Amino acid sequence: MNTIETKKQPRLIRLPEVMNKVGLCRTSIYMLIAGGQFPTPRKLGRASLWIEAEIDQWISDVAQAQKGGGSVMRKAQ
């Protein structure tokens, strides 16, 4: 029996979905990006796309920082 191992491709999401996930407006997201505190988008033609796992990790990091009493915003990796 042959098993084919498939790699899960990262899911790319557009700005409206990013805004919905993080609860921030376009301007706030781009200000955080400029400050190095939010994952940067990838460009595909004219489209800006974010890797969903990076957004989910950012949300988790913000929640942990708030829970631990630390700084909410940190430099994005």
PDB file of N, CA and C in Angstrom:
ATOM      1  N   MET A   1       0.838  -1.176   0.000  1.00  0.00           N
ATOM      2  CA  MET A   1       0.000   0.000   0.000  1.00  0.00           C
ATOM      3  C   MET A   1       0.884   1.241   0.000  1.00  0.00           C
ATOM      4  N   ASN A   2       0.659   2.110  -0.927  1.00  0.00           N
ATOM      5  CA  ASN A   2       1.413   3.358  -1.006  1.00  0.00           C
ATOM      6  C   ASN A   2       0.661   4.470  -0.294  1.00  0.00           C
ATOM      7  N   THR A   3       1.410   5.216   0.494  1.00  0.00           N
ATOM      8  CA  THR A   3       0.796   6.382   1.125  1.00  0.00           C
ATOM      9  C   THR A   3       1.457   7.618   0.563  1.00  0.00           C
ATOM     10  N   ILE A   4       0.649   8.549   0.191  1.00  0.00           N
ATOM     11  CA  ILE A   4       1.154   9.805  -0.345  1.00  0.00           C
ATOM     12  C   ILE A   4       1.075  10.839   0.760  1.00  0.00           C
ATOM     13  N   GLU A   5       2.230  11.398   1.063  1.00  0.00           N
ATOM     14  CA  GLU A   5       2.283  12.417   2.101  1.00  0.00           C
ATOM     15  C   GLU A   5       2.069  13.778   1.449  1.00  0.00           C
ATOM     16  N   THR A   6       1.058  14.476   1.897  1.00  0.00           N
ATOM     17  CA  THR A   6       0.783  15.795   1.335  1.00  0.00           C
ATOM     18  C   THR A   6       1.106  16.861   2.362  1.00  0.00           C
ATOM     19  N   LYS A   7       1.767  17.897   1.890  1.00  0.00           N
ATOM     20  CA  LYS A   7       2.060  19.034   2.753  1.00  0.00           C
ATOM     21  C   LYS A   7       0.866  19.959   2.746  1.00  0.00           C
ATOM     22  N   LYS A   8       0.505  20.418   3.922  1.00  0.00           N
ATOM     23  CA  LYS A   8      -0.591  21.372   4.002  1.00  0.00           C
ATOM     24  C   LYS A   8      -0.063  22.741   3.596  1.00  0.00           C
ATOM     25  N   GLN A   9      -0.669  23.300   2.582  1.00  0.00           N
ATOM     26  CA  GLN A   9      -0.265  24.611   2.095  1.00  0.00           C
ATOM     27  C   GLN A   9      -0.817  25.686   3.024  1.00  0.00           C
ATOM     28  N   PRO A  10      -0.031  26.732   3.273  1.00  0.00           N
ATOM     29  CA  PRO A  10      -0.552  27.811   4.113  1.00  0.00           C
ATOM     30  C   PRO A  10      -1.724  28.502   3.419  1.00  0.00           C
ATOM     31  N   ARG A  11      -2.704  28.870   4.209  1.00  0.00           N
ATOM     32  CA  ARG A  11      -3.867  29.570   3.661  1.00  0.00           C
ATOM     33  C   ARG A  11      -3.569  31.059   3.630  1.00  0.00           C
ATOM     34  N   LEU A  12      -3.795  31.671   2.486  1.00  0.00           N
ATOM     35  CA  LEU A  12      -3.588  33.104   2.322  1.00  0.00           C
ATOM     36  C   LEU A  12      -4.928  33.809   2.405  1.00  0.00           C
ATOM     37  N   ILE A  13      -4.960  34.910   3.175  1.00  0.00           N
ATOM     38  CA  ILE A  13      -6.206  35.645   3.342  1.00  0.00           C
ATOM     39  C   ILE A  13      -6.001  37.109   2.978  1.00  0.00           C
ATOM     40  N   ARG A  14      -7.062  37.739   2.523  1.00  0.00           N
ATOM     41  CA  ARG A  14      -7.025  39.142   2.117  1.00  0.00           C
ATOM     42  C   ARG A  14      -7.371  40.045   3.297  1.00  0.00           C
ATOM     43  N   LEU A  15      -7.155  41.336   3.097  1.00  0.00           N
ATOM     44  CA  LEU A  15      -7.344  42.321   4.152  1.00  0.00           C
ATOM     45  C   LEU A  15      -8.715  42.266   4.828  1.00  0.00           C
ATOM     46  N   PRO A  16      -9.830  42.164   4.104  1.00  0.00           N
ATOM     47  CA  PRO A  16     -11.117  42.130   4.814  1.00  0.00           C
ATOM     48  C   PRO A  16     -11.217  40.997   5.835  1.00  0.00           C
ATOM     49  N   GLU A  17     -10.656  39.830   5.510  1.00  0.00           N
ATOM     50  CA  GLU A  17     -10.686  38.717   6.457  1.00  0.00           C
ATOM     51  C   GLU A  17      -9.733  38.967   7.623  1.00  0.00           C
ATOM     52  N   VAL A  18      -8.574  39.567   7.346  1.00  0.00           N
ATOM     53  CA  VAL A  18      -7.644  39.932   8.418  1.00  0.00           C
ATOM     54  C   VAL A  18      -8.336  40.902   9.373  1.00  0.00           C
ATOM     55  N   MET A  19      -8.988  41.928   8.822  1.00  0.00           N
ATOM     56  CA  MET A  19      -9.688  42.915   9.639  1.00  0.00           C
ATOM     57  C   MET A  19     -10.755  42.245  10.499  1.00  0.00           C
ATOM     58  N   ASN A  20     -11.472  41.309   9.929  1.00  0.00           N
ATOM     59  CA  ASN A  20     -12.513  40.593  10.660  1.00  0.00           C
ATOM     60  C   ASN A  20     -11.919  39.754  11.791  1.00  0.00           C
ATOM     61  N   LYS A  21     -10.805  39.081  11.520  1.00  0.00           N
ATOM     62  CA  LYS A  21     -10.182  38.220  12.529  1.00  0.00           C
ATOM     63  C   LYS A  21      -9.620  39.009  13.705  1.00  0.00           C
ATOM     64  N   VAL A  22      -8.970  40.144  13.425  1.00  0.00           N
ATOM     65  CA  VAL A  22      -8.282  40.875  14.496  1.00  0.00           C
ATOM     66  C   VAL A  22      -9.110  42.018  15.073  1.00  0.00           C
ATOM     67  N   GLY A  23     -10.185  42.396  14.403  1.00  0.00           N
ATOM     68  CA  GLY A  23     -11.039  43.458  14.918  1.00  0.00           C
ATOM     69  C   GLY A  23     -10.441  44.849  14.814  1.00  0.00           C
ATOM     70  N   LEU A  24      -9.552  45.032  13.844  1.00  0.00           N
ATOM     71  CA  LEU A  24      -8.934  46.339  13.627  1.00  0.00           C
ATOM     72  C   LEU A  24      -9.278  46.836  12.231  1.00  0.00           C
ATOM     73  N   CYS A  25      -9.247  48.158  12.059  1.00  0.00           N
ATOM     74  CA  CYS A  25      -9.507  48.734  10.742  1.00  0.00           C
ATOM     75  C   CYS A  25      -8.228  48.693   9.901  1.00  0.00           C
ATOM     76  N   ARG A  26      -8.383  48.956   8.628  1.00  0.00           N
ATOM     77  CA  ARG A  26      -7.276  48.959   7.670  1.00  0.00           C
ATOM     78  C   ARG A  26      -6.134  49.866   8.138  1.00  0.00           C
ATOM     79  N   THR A  27      -6.481  51.084   8.553  1.00  0.00           N
ATOM     80  CA  THR A  27      -5.463  52.054   8.962  1.00  0.00           C
ATOM     81  C   THR A  27      -4.663  51.542  10.151  1.00  0.00           C
ATOM     82  N   SER A  28      -5.344  50.982  11.145  1.00  0.00           N
ATOM     83  CA  SER A  28      -4.653  50.461  12.334  1.00  0.00           C
ATOM     84  C   SER A  28      -3.717  49.318  11.973  1.00  0.00           C
ATOM     85  N   ILE A  29      -4.167  48.439  11.097  1.00  0.00           N
ATOM     86  CA  ILE A  29      -3.334  47.309  10.677  1.00  0.00           C
ATOM     87  C   ILE A  29      -2.070  47.810   9.990  1.00  0.00           C
ATOM     88  N   TYR A  30      -2.215  48.747   9.059  1.00  0.00           N
ATOM     89  CA  TYR A  30      -1.041  49.244   8.341  1.00  0.00           C
ATOM     90  C   TYR A  30      -0.126  50.072   9.243  1.00  0.00           C
ATOM     91  N   MET A  31      -0.685  50.734  10.254  1.00  0.00           N
ATOM     92  CA  MET A  31       0.163  51.448  11.219  1.00  0.00           C
ATOM     93  C   MET A  31       0.983  50.452  12.044  1.00  0.00           C
ATOM     94  N   LEU A  32       0.363  49.350  12.448  1.00  0.00           N
ATOM     95  CA  LEU A  32       1.088  48.317  13.189  1.00  0.00           C
ATOM     96  C   LEU A  32       2.166  47.674  12.317  1.00  0.00           C
ATOM     97  N   ILE A  33       1.863  47.448  11.050  1.00  0.00           N
ATOM     98  CA  ILE A  33       2.857  46.891  10.124  1.00  0.00           C
ATOM     99  C   ILE A  33       4.045  47.839  10.022  1.00  0.00           C
ATOM    100  N   ALA A  34       3.764  49.131   9.860  1.00  0.00           N
ATOM    101  CA  ALA A  34       4.837  50.129   9.735  1.00  0.00           C
ATOM    102  C   ALA A  34       5.702  50.168  10.988  1.00  0.00           C
ATOM    103  N   GLY A  35       5.107  49.885  12.130  1.00  0.00           N
ATOM    104  CA  GLY A  35       5.846  49.869  13.389  1.00  0.00           C
ATOM    105  C   GLY A  35       6.475  48.523  13.708  1.00  0.00           C
ATOM    106  N   GLY A  36       6.341  47.562  12.804  1.00  0.00           N
ATOM    107  CA  GLY A  36       6.927  46.242  13.019  1.00  0.00           C
ATOM    108  C   GLY A  36       6.185  45.413  14.051  1.00  0.00           C
ATOM    109  N   GLN A  37       4.916  45.721  14.281  1.00  0.00           N
ATOM    110  CA  GLN A  37       4.150  45.044  15.323  1.00  0.00           C
ATOM    111  C   GLN A  37       3.040  44.154  14.781  1.00  0.00           C
ATOM    112  N   PHE A  38       3.041  43.897  13.490  1.00  0.00           N
ATOM    113  CA  PHE A  38       2.001  43.077  12.875  1.00  0.00           C
ATOM    114  C   PHE A  38       2.629  42.350  11.692  1.00  0.00           C
ATOM    115  N   PRO A  39       2.186  41.123  11.420  1.00  0.00           N
ATOM    116  CA  PRO A  39       2.745  40.388  10.278  1.00  0.00           C
ATOM    117  C   PRO A  39       2.595  41.168   8.969  1.00  0.00           C
ATOM    118  N   THR A  40       3.622  41.108   8.159  1.00  0.00           N
ATOM    119  CA  THR A  40       3.592  41.822   6.882  1.00  0.00           C
ATOM    120  C   THR A  40       2.900  40.969   5.815  1.00  0.00           C
ATOM    121  N   PRO A  41       2.195  41.636   4.915  1.00  0.00           N
ATOM    122  CA  PRO A  41       1.527  40.888   3.846  1.00  0.00           C
ATOM    123  C   PRO A  41       2.509  40.483   2.754  1.00  0.00           C
ATOM    124  N   ARG A  42       2.117  39.475   2.000  1.00  0.00           N
ATOM    125  CA  ARG A  42       2.839  39.095   0.783  1.00  0.00           C
ATOM    126  C   ARG A  42       2.097  39.751  -0.367  1.00  0.00           C
ATOM    127  N   LYS A  43       2.815  40.117  -1.387  1.00  0.00           N
ATOM    128  CA  LYS A  43       2.190  40.736  -2.554  1.00  0.00           C
ATOM    129  C   LYS A  43       2.070  39.701  -3.665  1.00  0.00           C
ATOM    130  N   LEU A  44       0.917  39.652  -4.268  1.00  0.00           N
ATOM    131  CA  LEU A  44       0.668  38.823  -5.436  1.00  0.00           C
ATOM    132  C   LEU A  44      -0.031  39.730  -6.434  1.00  0.00           C
ATOM    133  N   GLY A  45       0.744  40.240  -7.375  1.00  0.00           N
ATOM    134  CA  GLY A  45       0.211  41.274  -8.257  1.00  0.00           C
ATOM    135  C   GLY A  45      -0.072  42.514  -7.427  1.00  0.00           C
ATOM    136  N   ARG A  46      -1.298  42.983  -7.494  1.00  0.00           N
ATOM    137  CA  ARG A  46      -1.688  44.145  -6.698  1.00  0.00           C
ATOM    138  C   ARG A  46      -2.301  43.752  -5.359  1.00  0.00           C
ATOM    139  N   ALA A  47      -2.531  42.461  -5.155  1.00  0.00           N
ATOM    140  CA  ALA A  47      -3.195  41.986  -3.943  1.00  0.00           C
ATOM    141  C   ALA A  47      -2.212  41.837  -2.786  1.00  0.00           C
ATOM    142  N   SER A  48      -2.653  42.219  -1.601  1.00  0.00           N
ATOM    143  CA  SER A  48      -1.908  41.978  -0.367  1.00  0.00           C
ATOM    144  C   SER A  48      -2.535  40.767   0.305  1.00  0.00           C
ATOM    145  N   LEU A  49      -1.706  39.779   0.614  1.00  0.00           N
ATOM    146  CA  LEU A  49      -2.187  38.537   1.206  1.00  0.00           C
ATOM    147  C   LEU A  49      -1.391  38.225   2.463  1.00  0.00           C
ATOM    148  N   TRP A  50      -2.078  37.777   3.497  1.00  0.00           N
ATOM    149  CA  TRP A  50      -1.428  37.402   4.744  1.00  0.00           C
ATOM    150  C   TRP A  50      -1.538  35.897   4.908  1.00  0.00           C
ATOM    151  N   ILE A  51      -0.528  35.316   5.542  1.00  0.00           N
ATOM    152  CA  ILE A  51      -0.590  33.901   5.885  1.00  0.00           C
ATOM    153  C   ILE A  51      -1.451  33.793   7.141  1.00  0.00           C
ATOM    154  N   GLU A  52      -2.525  33.039   7.038  1.00  0.00           N
ATOM    155  CA  GLU A  52      -3.497  32.968   8.131  1.00  0.00           C
ATOM    156  C   GLU A  52      -2.856  32.510   9.440  1.00  0.00           C
ATOM    157  N   ALA A  53      -1.932  31.564   9.379  1.00  0.00           N
ATOM    158  CA  ALA A  53      -1.288  31.073  10.594  1.00  0.00           C
ATOM    159  C   ALA A  53      -0.512  32.184  11.306  1.00  0.00           C
ATOM    160  N   GLU A  54       0.069  33.120  10.550  1.00  0.00           N
ATOM    161  CA  GLU A  54       0.787  34.240  11.166  1.00  0.00           C
ATOM    162  C   GLU A  54      -0.180  35.176  11.881  1.00  0.00           C
ATOM    163  N   ILE A  55      -1.349  35.385  11.302  1.00  0.00           N
ATOM    164  CA  ILE A  55      -2.366  36.227  11.939  1.00  0.00           C
ATOM    165  C   ILE A  55      -2.871  35.546  13.203  1.00  0.00           C
ATOM    166  N   ASP A  56      -3.130  34.245  13.120  1.00  0.00           N
ATOM    167  CA  ASP A  56      -3.585  33.503  14.295  1.00  0.00           C
ATOM    168  C   ASP A  56      -2.547  33.548  15.410  1.00  0.00           C
ATOM    169  N   GLN A  57      -1.261  33.441  15.051  1.00  0.00           N
ATOM    170  CA  GLN A  57      -0.191  33.511  16.050  1.00  0.00           C
ATOM    171  C   GLN A  57      -0.136  34.899  16.679  1.00  0.00           C
ATOM    172  N   TRP A  58      -0.311  35.947  15.884  1.00  0.00           N
ATOM    173  CA  TRP A  58      -0.318  37.315  16.403  1.00  0.00           C
ATOM    174  C   TRP A  58      -1.458  37.492  17.408  1.00  0.00           C
ATOM    175  N   ILE A  59      -2.639  36.981  17.073  1.00  0.00           N
ATOM    176  CA  ILE A  59      -3.785  37.057  17.984  1.00  0.00           C
ATOM    177  C   ILE A  59      -3.459  36.345  19.291  1.00  0.00           C
ATOM    178  N   SER A  60      -2.867  35.162  19.190  1.00  0.00           N
ATOM    179  CA  SER A  60      -2.486  34.392  20.376  1.00  0.00           C
ATOM    180  C   SER A  60      -1.457  35.142  21.217  1.00  0.00           C
ATOM    181  N   ASP A  61      -0.475  35.743  20.559  1.00  0.00           N
ATOM    182  CA  ASP A  61       0.559  36.500  21.272  1.00  0.00           C
ATOM    183  C   ASP A  61      -0.029  37.699  22.002  1.00  0.00           C
ATOM    184  N   VAL A  62      -0.961  38.396  21.361  1.00  0.00           N
ATOM    185  CA  VAL A  62      -1.602  39.554  21.992  1.00  0.00           C
ATOM    186  C   VAL A  62      -2.406  39.098  23.207  1.00  0.00           C
ATOM    187  N   ALA A  63      -3.132  37.996  23.072  1.00  0.00           N
ATOM    188  CA  ALA A  63      -3.920  37.476  24.187  1.00  0.00           C
ATOM    189  C   ALA A  63      -3.016  37.074  25.349  1.00  0.00           C
ATOM    190  N   GLN A  64      -1.889  36.431  25.046  1.00  0.00           N
ATOM    191  CA  GLN A  64      -0.944  36.027  26.095  1.00  0.00           C
ATOM    192  C   GLN A  64      -0.354  37.244  26.791  1.00  0.00           C
ATOM    193  N   ALA A  65      -0.012  38.266  26.027  1.00  0.00           N
ATOM    194  CA  ALA A  65       0.568  39.477  26.609  1.00  0.00           C
ATOM    195  C   ALA A  65      -0.430  40.156  27.535  1.00  0.00           C
ATOM    196  N   GLN A  66      -1.684  40.199  27.134  1.00  0.00           N
ATOM    197  CA  GLN A  66      -2.708  40.813  27.973  1.00  0.00           C
ATOM    198  C   GLN A  66      -2.930  39.993  29.232  1.00  0.00           C
ATOM    199  N   LYS A  67      -2.930  38.686  29.091  1.00  0.00           N
ATOM    200  CA  LYS A  67      -3.141  37.789  30.225  1.00  0.00           C
ATOM    201  C   LYS A  67      -1.998  37.902  31.222  1.00  0.00           C
ATOM    202  N   GLY A  68      -0.777  38.037  30.708  1.00  0.00           N
ATOM    203  CA  GLY A  68       0.395  38.105  31.567  1.00  0.00           C
ATOM    204  C   GLY A  68       0.708  39.504  32.060  1.00  0.00           C
ATOM    205  N   GLY A  69      -0.074  40.486  31.642  1.00  0.00           N
ATOM    206  CA  GLY A  69       0.162  41.853  32.088  1.00  0.00           C
ATOM    207  C   GLY A  69       1.297  42.538  31.363  1.00  0.00           C
ATOM    208  N   GLY A  70       1.794  41.914  30.304  1.00  0.00           N
ATOM    209  CA  GLY A  70       2.900  42.503  29.547  1.00  0.00           C
ATOM    210  C   GLY A  70       2.396  43.456  28.490  1.00  0.00           C
ATOM    211  N   SER A  71       3.311  43.898  27.666  1.00  0.00           N
ATOM    212  CA  SER A  71       2.974  44.795  26.565  1.00  0.00           C
ATOM    213  C   SER A  71       2.113  44.059  25.550  1.00  0.00           C
ATOM    214  N   VAL A  72       1.051  44.705  25.119  1.00  0.00           N
ATOM    215  CA  VAL A  72       0.141  44.083  24.170  1.00  0.00           C
ATOM    216  C   VAL A  72       0.764  44.005  22.788  1.00  0.00           C
ATOM    217  N   MET A  73       1.448  45.041  22.371  1.00  0.00           N
ATOM    218  CA  MET A  73       2.027  45.070  21.039  1.00  0.00           C
ATOM    219  C   MET A  73       3.513  44.730  21.109  1.00  0.00           C
ATOM    220  N   ARG A  74       3.931  43.867  20.207  1.00  0.00           N
ATOM    221  CA  ARG A  74       5.332  43.481  20.139  1.00  0.00           C
ATOM    222  C   ARG A  74       5.754  43.478  18.686  1.00  0.00           C
ATOM    223  N   LYS A  75       7.030  43.374  18.474  1.00  0.00           N
ATOM    224  CA  LYS A  75       7.547  43.300  17.107  1.00  0.00           C
ATOM    225  C   LYS A  75       7.098  41.990  16.476  1.00  0.00           C
ATOM    226  N   ALA A  76       6.575  42.073  15.269  1.00  0.00           N
ATOM    227  CA  ALA A  76       6.179  40.878  14.531  1.00  0.00           C
ATOM    228  C   ALA A  76       7.426  40.183  14.021  1.00  0.00           C
ATOM    229  N   GLN A  77       7.356  38.861  13.929  1.00  0.00           N
ATOM    230  CA  GLN A  77       8.507  38.105  13.431  1.00  0.00           C
ATOM    231  C   GLN A  77       8.415  37.913  11.954  1.00  0.00           C
TER     232      GLN A  77
END
